[in-house]
Protein backbone atom coordinates (compact mmCIF):
# COMPACT_ATOMS: atom_id res chain seq x y z
CA MET A 1 -33.18 -165.15 67.74
CA LYS A 2 -35.75 -162.84 68.05
CA LEU A 3 -33.41 -160.23 66.76
CA ALA A 4 -32.84 -161.98 63.65
CA ILE A 5 -36.67 -162.44 62.94
CA MET A 6 -37.08 -158.77 63.77
CA THR A 7 -34.39 -157.98 61.15
CA GLY A 8 -35.73 -160.04 58.63
CA VAL A 9 -39.35 -158.58 59.18
CA VAL A 10 -38.00 -155.15 58.71
CA ALA A 11 -36.29 -155.91 55.44
CA LEU A 12 -39.51 -157.11 54.03
CA LEU A 13 -41.29 -154.28 55.13
CA LEU A 14 -38.60 -152.20 53.74
CA LEU A 15 -38.81 -153.73 50.40
CA ALA A 16 -42.57 -153.56 50.25
CA LEU A 17 -42.32 -149.90 50.94
CA ILE A 18 -39.86 -149.30 48.34
CA PHE A 19 -42.01 -151.30 45.69
CA GLU A 20 -44.99 -149.21 46.63
CA LEU A 21 -43.32 -145.86 46.82
CA LEU A 22 -42.00 -147.01 43.10
CA ARG A 23 -45.59 -148.09 42.05
CA ARG A 24 -46.97 -144.54 42.96
CA ARG A 25 -43.98 -142.90 41.28
CA GLN A 26 -42.79 -141.01 44.51
CA LEU A 27 -39.30 -142.67 44.60
CA ARG A 28 -37.07 -142.24 41.25
CA GLU A 29 -35.60 -145.24 39.91
CA LYS A 30 -32.05 -144.26 40.75
CA TYR A 31 -32.74 -144.01 44.28
CA ALA A 32 -34.89 -147.38 44.58
CA VAL A 33 -32.27 -149.08 43.38
CA LEU A 34 -30.03 -148.08 46.23
CA TRP A 35 -32.66 -148.96 48.76
CA LEU A 36 -33.56 -152.45 46.97
CA VAL A 37 -29.90 -153.29 47.52
CA VAL A 38 -30.01 -152.43 51.26
CA GLY A 39 -33.37 -154.36 51.82
CA LEU A 40 -31.88 -157.51 49.85
CA VAL A 41 -28.59 -157.29 51.61
CA THR A 42 -30.43 -157.05 55.12
CA LEU A 43 -32.72 -160.05 54.13
CA PRO A 44 -30.60 -162.89 54.42
CA LEU A 45 -29.04 -161.32 57.63
CA GLY A 46 -32.18 -161.47 59.54
CA PHE A 47 -32.77 -165.05 58.45
CA ILE A 48 -29.44 -166.44 58.30
CA PRO A 49 -27.94 -164.66 61.21
CA TRP A 50 -24.61 -166.74 61.82
CA SER A 51 -23.49 -165.47 58.25
CA LEU A 52 -22.71 -162.18 59.26
CA ASP A 53 -20.57 -163.86 61.69
CA ASN A 54 -19.03 -166.07 59.06
CA VAL A 55 -18.53 -162.84 56.55
CA SER A 56 -17.26 -160.77 59.81
CA SER A 57 -14.50 -163.63 60.61
CA TRP A 58 -13.70 -163.75 57.04
CA LEU A 59 -12.96 -159.83 56.68
CA GLY A 60 -11.03 -160.32 59.95
CA VAL A 61 -13.50 -158.36 62.00
CA ALA A 62 -14.05 -159.02 65.62
CA SER A 63 -17.86 -159.18 65.54
CA GLY A 64 -20.63 -159.23 63.19
CA ALA A 65 -22.35 -156.04 65.08
CA SER A 66 -19.25 -153.99 64.32
CA LEU A 67 -18.99 -154.79 60.86
CA VAL A 68 -22.98 -153.90 60.87
CA LEU A 69 -22.15 -150.65 62.24
CA PHE A 70 -19.14 -149.79 60.14
CA LEU A 71 -21.13 -150.71 56.92
CA ALA A 72 -23.94 -148.55 58.25
CA VAL A 73 -21.95 -145.61 58.98
CA VAL A 74 -20.24 -146.05 55.40
CA PHE A 75 -23.37 -146.19 53.64
CA LEU A 76 -24.97 -143.06 55.33
CA LEU A 77 -22.10 -141.14 54.67
CA ILE A 78 -22.07 -141.87 50.86
CA VAL A 79 -25.99 -141.00 50.95
CA CYS A 80 -25.12 -137.82 52.58
CA ILE A 81 -22.45 -136.94 49.92
CA HIS A 82 -24.60 -138.08 47.47
CA LEU A 83 -27.38 -135.92 48.36
CA SER A 84 -25.22 -133.06 49.19
CA TRP A 85 -24.24 -133.52 45.38
CA GLU A 86 -28.00 -133.26 44.21
CA ALA A 87 -28.52 -130.20 46.43
CA SER A 88 -25.77 -128.49 44.67
CA ARG A 89 -26.89 -129.65 41.47
CA LEU A 90 -30.41 -128.34 41.80
CA GLU A 91 -29.26 -125.33 43.34
CA ASP A 92 -27.26 -124.26 40.27
CA GLU A 93 -30.03 -125.28 38.09
CA THR A 94 -32.49 -123.25 40.20
CA ARG A 95 -30.43 -120.29 40.01
CA SER A 96 -29.94 -120.55 36.16
CA LEU A 97 -33.98 -120.97 35.69
CA ALA A 98 -33.96 -117.96 38.09
CA GLU A 99 -32.14 -115.93 35.63
CA GLU A 100 -34.15 -117.09 32.77
CA VAL A 101 -37.25 -116.29 34.26
CA ALA A 102 -36.07 -112.38 35.08
CA LEU A 103 -35.37 -112.01 31.46
CA ILE A 104 -38.47 -113.23 30.35
CA ARG A 105 -40.21 -110.84 32.34
CA ALA A 106 -38.19 -108.05 31.29
CA GLU A 107 -38.82 -108.87 27.69
CA LEU A 108 -42.44 -109.17 28.61
CA ARG A 109 -42.60 -106.25 29.98
CA GLU A 110 -41.01 -104.38 27.15
CA VAL A 111 -43.39 -106.04 24.73
CA ASN A 112 -46.24 -105.10 27.25
CA GLU A 113 -45.16 -101.44 26.85
CA ARG A 114 -44.71 -101.24 23.42
CA HIS A 115 -48.25 -102.57 22.99
CA SER A 116 -49.57 -100.00 25.17
CA ALA A 117 -47.73 -97.53 23.63
CA LEU A 118 -48.98 -98.75 20.06
CA GLU A 119 -52.62 -98.85 21.51
CA ALA A 120 -52.57 -95.09 22.61
CA GLU A 121 -51.34 -94.09 19.28
CA VAL A 122 -54.11 -96.25 17.65
CA GLU A 123 -56.56 -94.30 19.88
CA GLN A 124 -55.01 -90.96 18.95
CA VAL A 125 -55.58 -91.49 15.44
CA ARG A 126 -58.96 -92.96 15.86
CA ALA A 127 -59.72 -89.75 17.84
CA ALA A 128 -58.18 -87.42 15.15
CA GLN A 129 -60.30 -89.50 12.55
CA GLU A 130 -63.53 -88.93 14.63
CA ASN A 131 -62.81 -85.17 15.28
CA GLY A 132 -61.64 -84.59 11.58
CA ALA A 133 -65.03 -86.22 10.76
CA ALA A 134 -66.72 -83.82 13.21
CA ASN A 135 -65.01 -80.69 12.04
CA GLY A 136 -65.66 -81.25 8.48
CA THR A 137 -63.18 -83.56 7.04
CA ALA A 138 -64.87 -86.06 4.76
CA ASN A 139 -63.02 -88.84 2.91
CA GLY A 140 -59.67 -87.40 3.75
CA HIS A 141 -60.78 -83.78 2.00
CA THR A 142 -60.92 -80.66 3.81
CA VAL A 143 -63.96 -78.41 3.71
CA GLY A 144 -64.60 -75.16 4.94
CA ILE A 145 -64.99 -74.70 8.77
CA VAL A 146 -66.75 -71.64 10.28
CA THR A 147 -64.76 -70.32 13.20
CA GLN A 148 -64.97 -67.07 15.16
CA ARG A 149 -62.41 -64.63 15.74
CA ASP A 150 -62.79 -61.42 17.48
CA GLY A 151 -66.74 -61.91 17.56
CA LYS A 152 -66.71 -62.31 13.48
CA ALA A 153 -67.48 -65.38 11.99
CA VAL A 154 -64.85 -66.57 9.33
CA VAL A 155 -64.68 -69.27 6.91
CA GLY A 156 -61.44 -71.32 6.49
CA GLU A 157 -59.74 -74.46 5.57
CA ARG A 158 -57.90 -77.06 7.44
């Protein structure tokens, strides 16, 4: 009888834990339904222990404990298969996202290189404009420049 009470208490604690995890949004609803079903099936078995014997005799199983053990193994096998499927799906999704991130990084690198090249070109144009103003270019018109060749001053145009 103590085992039956302990089973019922564990089922109640399981249900409380599932509801708390749902409330905190730490367990998704699709998994919560599965665990709520487990808790709701375990609850009556704890408080009405002879019902397990009735179900096992109706199914032709020798003992209720054998039925529980068999159902637990089947349940865990199904959970393992489902989690393997989820892991495979998530692995494919992760690979796809990694490829997409790599493409975006490559595109960003190209854009940054173009941006750097354009900045360098703009800087060259500004430097040329500043040099042109310093060397006698005013408003786009060339003015005479004094340069020195062979020790003699020469006036010329750009």
